[in-house]
């Protein structure tokens, strides 16, 4: 819930002008950080085609992640008519980005996308297991990302912004979430539509203010 420490309308009005294009994160495409990794690893079309044909593990993993972020971005686009705004691939460091940030009347959600199509997924308080394999720190990573987003938005908006972490699993065969996991929402990509009717957390002016801060890359300087 928002606790206003300054006038949200005043913050929004000061930031209503979009940032310069070099700093405007609204222009970033879903999975842009992964696109840049793939291009840097295989700068030419022939090299990228060869890497794809040879199924190089790292390159294949990036491509799988990119497909997942594209799928999630299409789901998020459907929420726009309900007053939601999205940003994609927010860079925090050369090796770390926020996959998606969803801002709207129901609050702010930091979305971490995981593409495990056709696999069984179990999510506990601290780790997730894919096909009963070794634990992966997905819930912990999602909490950390949400904490970073909150710090940036609190500082830029000058009022406290609650940021909820969301783990989105793309097209799993089965998703099981431990009931004890309360602070991280773990869902399938098709369940993102359940966020659209949420209201009562941010006013339209507050949505404007939060989005204005979040879309400006300069807001994320020294975030981590």
Protein backbone atom coordinates (compact mmCIF):
# COMPACT_ATOMS: atom_id res chain seq x y z
CA UNK A 1 0.00 0.00 0.00
CA UNK A 2 1.17 3.54 -0.74
CA UNK A 3 1.99 5.82 2.18
CA UNK A 4 2.21 9.29 0.70
CA UNK A 5 5.24 11.26 1.90
CA UNK A 6 4.85 13.82 -0.87
CA UNK A 7 2.13 14.75 -3.28
CA UNK A 8 2.02 12.00 -5.94
CA UNK A 9 0.39 14.42 -8.34
CA UNK A 10 3.26 16.85 -7.83
CA UNK A 11 5.84 14.16 -8.52
CA UNK A 12 3.95 13.04 -11.63
CA UNK A 13 3.68 16.56 -12.98
CA UNK A 14 7.43 17.15 -12.57
CA UNK A 15 8.20 13.91 -14.40
CA UNK A 16 5.48 13.97 -17.03
CA UNK A 17 7.94 14.87 -19.81
CA UNK A 18 9.50 11.64 -21.12
CA UNK A 19 13.25 11.29 -20.56
CA UNK A 20 15.66 11.77 -23.48
CA UNK A 21 15.49 8.84 -25.90
CA UNK A 22 18.91 7.56 -24.81
CA UNK A 23 17.50 7.08 -21.30
CA UNK A 24 13.92 6.04 -22.08
CA UNK A 25 13.40 2.41 -21.04
CA UNK A 26 9.91 2.43 -22.56
CA UNK A 27 11.59 1.77 -25.90
CA UNK A 28 13.27 -1.45 -24.75
CA UNK A 29 11.90 -4.63 -26.27
CA UNK A 30 11.06 -7.78 -24.28
CA UNK A 31 14.22 -9.81 -23.74
CA UNK A 32 16.47 -7.03 -25.01
CA UNK A 33 19.29 -7.96 -22.63
CA UNK A 34 19.21 -11.52 -23.96
CA UNK A 35 19.11 -10.28 -27.55
CA UNK A 36 22.24 -8.26 -26.87
CA UNK A 37 24.01 -11.29 -25.35
CA UNK A 38 23.13 -13.44 -28.35
CA UNK A 39 24.28 -10.78 -30.80
CA UNK A 40 27.55 -10.20 -28.91
CA UNK A 41 28.24 -13.94 -28.80
CA UNK A 42 27.35 -14.43 -32.49
CA UNK A 43 27.53 -11.04 -34.23
CA UNK A 44 26.74 -12.26 -37.75
CA UNK A 45 23.64 -13.99 -39.05
CA UNK A 46 25.75 -16.95 -40.22
CA UNK A 47 27.31 -17.33 -36.78
CA UNK A 48 23.92 -17.17 -35.07
CA UNK A 49 22.50 -19.78 -37.46
CA UNK A 50 25.50 -22.05 -36.87
CA UNK A 51 25.23 -21.68 -33.09
CA UNK A 52 21.54 -22.55 -33.32
CA UNK A 53 22.24 -25.60 -35.51
CA UNK A 54 24.94 -26.84 -33.13
CA UNK A 55 22.71 -26.23 -30.09
CA UNK A 56 25.45 -24.49 -28.13
CA UNK A 57 24.26 -24.77 -24.49
CA UNK A 58 24.70 -21.14 -23.45
CA UNK A 59 23.28 -19.73 -26.67
CA UNK A 60 20.35 -22.17 -26.58
CA UNK A 61 19.59 -21.17 -22.98
CA UNK A 62 19.51 -17.49 -23.93
CA UNK A 63 17.20 -18.20 -26.86
CA UNK A 64 14.86 -20.21 -24.65
CA UNK A 65 14.77 -17.35 -22.16
CA UNK A 66 14.11 -14.86 -24.94
CA UNK A 67 11.13 -16.87 -26.20
CA UNK A 68 9.76 -16.99 -22.67
CA UNK A 69 10.04 -13.23 -22.19
CA UNK A 70 8.29 -12.64 -25.51
CA UNK A 71 5.42 -14.89 -24.49
CA UNK A 72 5.04 -13.13 -21.14
CA UNK A 73 5.18 -9.70 -22.79
CA UNK A 74 2.21 -10.64 -24.99
CA UNK A 75 0.23 -11.64 -21.90
CA UNK A 76 1.12 -8.35 -20.20
CA UNK A 77 0.10 -6.33 -23.26
CA UNK A 78 -3.49 -7.47 -22.71
CA UNK A 79 -3.55 -5.65 -19.37
CA UNK A 80 -3.04 -2.21 -20.92
CA UNK A 81 -6.72 -1.59 -21.48
CA UNK A 82 -7.22 -2.01 -17.73
CA UNK A 83 -4.84 0.83 -16.90
CA UNK A 84 -1.60 -1.15 -16.54
CA UNK A 85 1.78 -0.15 -17.93
CA UNK A 86 4.79 -2.34 -18.56
CA UNK A 87 8.53 -1.98 -18.98
CA UNK A 88 10.82 -4.74 -20.19
CA UNK A 89 14.44 -5.77 -19.62
CA UNK A 90 15.37 -2.99 -17.18
CA UNK A 91 19.18 -3.06 -16.90
CA UNK A 92 20.61 -3.12 -13.39
CA UNK A 93 24.14 -4.16 -14.33
CA UNK A 94 25.92 -5.68 -17.35
CA UNK A 95 24.79 -9.14 -16.21
CA UNK A 96 21.47 -8.47 -14.46
CA UNK A 97 18.14 -7.05 -15.56
CA UNK A 98 14.50 -7.00 -14.46
CA UNK A 99 12.59 -9.06 -17.05
CA UNK A 100 9.34 -7.09 -16.74
CA UNK A 101 7.92 -4.40 -14.50
CA UNK A 102 4.13 -4.10 -14.28
CA UNK A 103 2.65 -0.87 -12.90
CA UNK A 104 -1.04 -0.18 -12.49
CA UNK A 105 -4.02 0.35 -10.20
CA UNK A 106 -3.30 -2.91 -8.39
CA UNK A 107 0.26 -1.94 -7.53
CA UNK A 108 3.75 -2.69 -8.81
CA UNK A 109 4.94 -6.18 -9.73
CA UNK A 110 8.51 -7.16 -10.47
CA UNK A 111 8.28 -10.13 -12.84
CA UNK A 112 10.94 -12.81 -13.20
CA UNK A 113 10.26 -15.07 -16.20
CA UNK A 114 11.37 -18.71 -16.34
CA UNK A 115 10.79 -20.76 -19.50
CA UNK A 116 10.48 -24.47 -18.66
CA UNK A 117 8.02 -25.63 -21.28
CA UNK A 118 6.66 -29.11 -20.79
CA UNK A 119 8.51 -29.68 -17.49
CA UNK A 120 7.24 -30.20 -13.96
CA UNK A 121 7.97 -27.28 -11.64
CA UNK A 122 7.91 -27.28 -7.85
CA UNK A 123 8.37 -24.00 -5.99
CA UNK A 124 9.16 -23.72 -2.29
CA UNK A 125 10.03 -20.84 0.02
CA UNK A 126 13.63 -20.55 -1.17
CA UNK A 127 14.20 -22.74 -4.23
CA UNK A 128 12.42 -24.16 -7.25
CA UNK A 129 13.00 -27.63 -8.71
CA UNK A 130 12.60 -28.45 -12.38
CA UNK A 131 11.74 -32.11 -13.11
CA UNK A 132 12.70 -32.90 -9.49
CA UNK A 133 16.24 -31.65 -10.11
CA UNK A 134 18.63 -29.57 -8.07
CA UNK A 135 17.15 -26.57 -6.29
CA UNK A 136 17.38 -23.24 -8.10
CA UNK A 137 17.20 -19.98 -6.10
CA UNK A 138 14.33 -18.48 -8.10
CA UNK A 139 12.24 -17.26 -5.12
CA UNK A 140 15.27 -15.67 -3.45
CA UNK A 141 16.25 -13.95 -6.69
CA UNK A 142 12.72 -12.62 -7.15
CA UNK A 143 12.70 -11.17 -3.63
CA UNK A 144 16.04 -9.49 -4.25
CA UNK A 145 14.85 -7.96 -7.52
CA UNK A 146 11.69 -6.61 -5.89
CA UNK A 147 13.78 -5.06 -3.11
CA UNK A 148 15.97 -3.29 -5.66
CA UNK A 149 12.92 -1.99 -7.54
CA UNK A 150 11.36 -0.72 -4.31
CA UNK A 151 14.53 1.15 -3.37
CA UNK A 152 14.65 2.86 -6.76
CA UNK A 153 10.95 3.79 -6.80
CA UNK A 154 10.88 4.99 -3.20
CA UNK A 155 13.83 7.26 -3.92
CA UNK A 156 12.48 8.60 -7.20
CA UNK A 157 8.81 8.97 -6.29
CA UNK A 158 9.41 10.30 -2.77
CA UNK A 159 6.62 8.14 -1.41
CA UNK A 160 6.76 4.51 -0.33
CA UNK A 161 5.93 2.01 -3.08
CA UNK A 162 5.15 -1.60 -2.34
CA UNK A 163 6.70 -3.93 -4.95
CA UNK A 164 5.52 -7.52 -5.16
CA UNK A 165 7.76 -10.20 -6.68
CA UNK A 166 6.22 -12.52 -9.26
CA UNK A 167 7.73 -15.71 -10.69
CA UNK A 168 6.15 -16.56 -14.05
CA UNK A 169 6.73 -20.04 -15.43
CA UNK A 170 6.11 -20.31 -19.15
CA UNK A 171 4.09 -23.33 -20.33
CA UNK A 172 5.11 -25.87 -17.66
CA UNK A 173 3.58 -29.33 -17.72
CA UNK A 174 2.66 -28.91 -14.05
CA UNK A 175 3.27 -26.19 -11.49
CA UNK A 176 3.18 -26.97 -7.77
CA UNK A 177 3.61 -24.16 -5.25
CA UNK A 178 4.15 -24.77 -1.56
CA UNK A 179 1.36 -23.12 0.49
CA UNK A 180 4.00 -21.58 2.78
CA UNK A 181 5.24 -19.39 -0.09
CA UNK A 182 3.33 -16.20 0.64
CA UNK A 183 5.54 -13.26 -0.32
CA UNK A 184 6.37 -14.39 -3.87
CA UNK A 185 3.55 -15.05 -6.34
CA UNK A 186 4.45 -18.10 -8.49
CA UNK A 187 2.14 -18.57 -11.48
CA UNK A 188 1.94 -19.82 -15.05
CA UNK A 189 2.03 -17.27 -17.85
CA UNK A 190 -1.68 -17.79 -18.57
CA UNK A 191 -2.51 -16.68 -15.03
CA UNK A 192 -1.17 -13.16 -15.54
CA UNK A 193 -4.65 -12.10 -16.63
CA UNK A 194 -5.75 -12.52 -13.00
CA UNK A 195 -3.81 -9.34 -12.18
CA UNK A 196 -5.88 -7.15 -14.51
CA UNK A 197 -8.89 -6.55 -12.19
CA UNK A 198 -6.73 -5.62 -9.18
CA UNK A 199 -7.34 -2.06 -8.00
CA UNK A 200 -7.18 0.16 -4.94
CA UNK A 201 -3.41 0.33 -4.49
CA UNK A 202 -2.31 3.14 -6.82
CA UNK A 203 -4.32 6.13 -8.00
CA UNK A 204 -3.97 7.20 -11.66
CA UNK A 205 -1.65 10.01 -10.52
CA UNK A 206 0.50 7.56 -8.59
CA UNK A 207 0.65 5.21 -11.58
CA UNK A 208 1.90 8.14 -13.66
CA UNK A 209 4.53 9.01 -11.05
CA UNK A 210 5.82 5.47 -10.64
CA UNK A 211 5.94 4.85 -14.38
CA UNK A 212 7.74 8.14 -14.99
CA UNK A 213 10.47 7.24 -12.51
CA UNK A 214 10.76 3.64 -13.68
CA UNK A 215 11.08 4.42 -17.39
CA UNK A 216 14.04 6.77 -16.85
CA UNK A 217 17.25 4.74 -16.95
CA UNK A 218 18.96 7.36 -14.80
CA UNK A 219 16.69 6.34 -11.91
CA UNK A 220 18.47 2.96 -11.84
CA UNK A 221 21.99 4.37 -11.48
CA UNK A 222 23.73 2.74 -8.50
CA UNK A 223 20.65 0.59 -7.85
CA UNK A 224 22.90 -2.39 -7.07
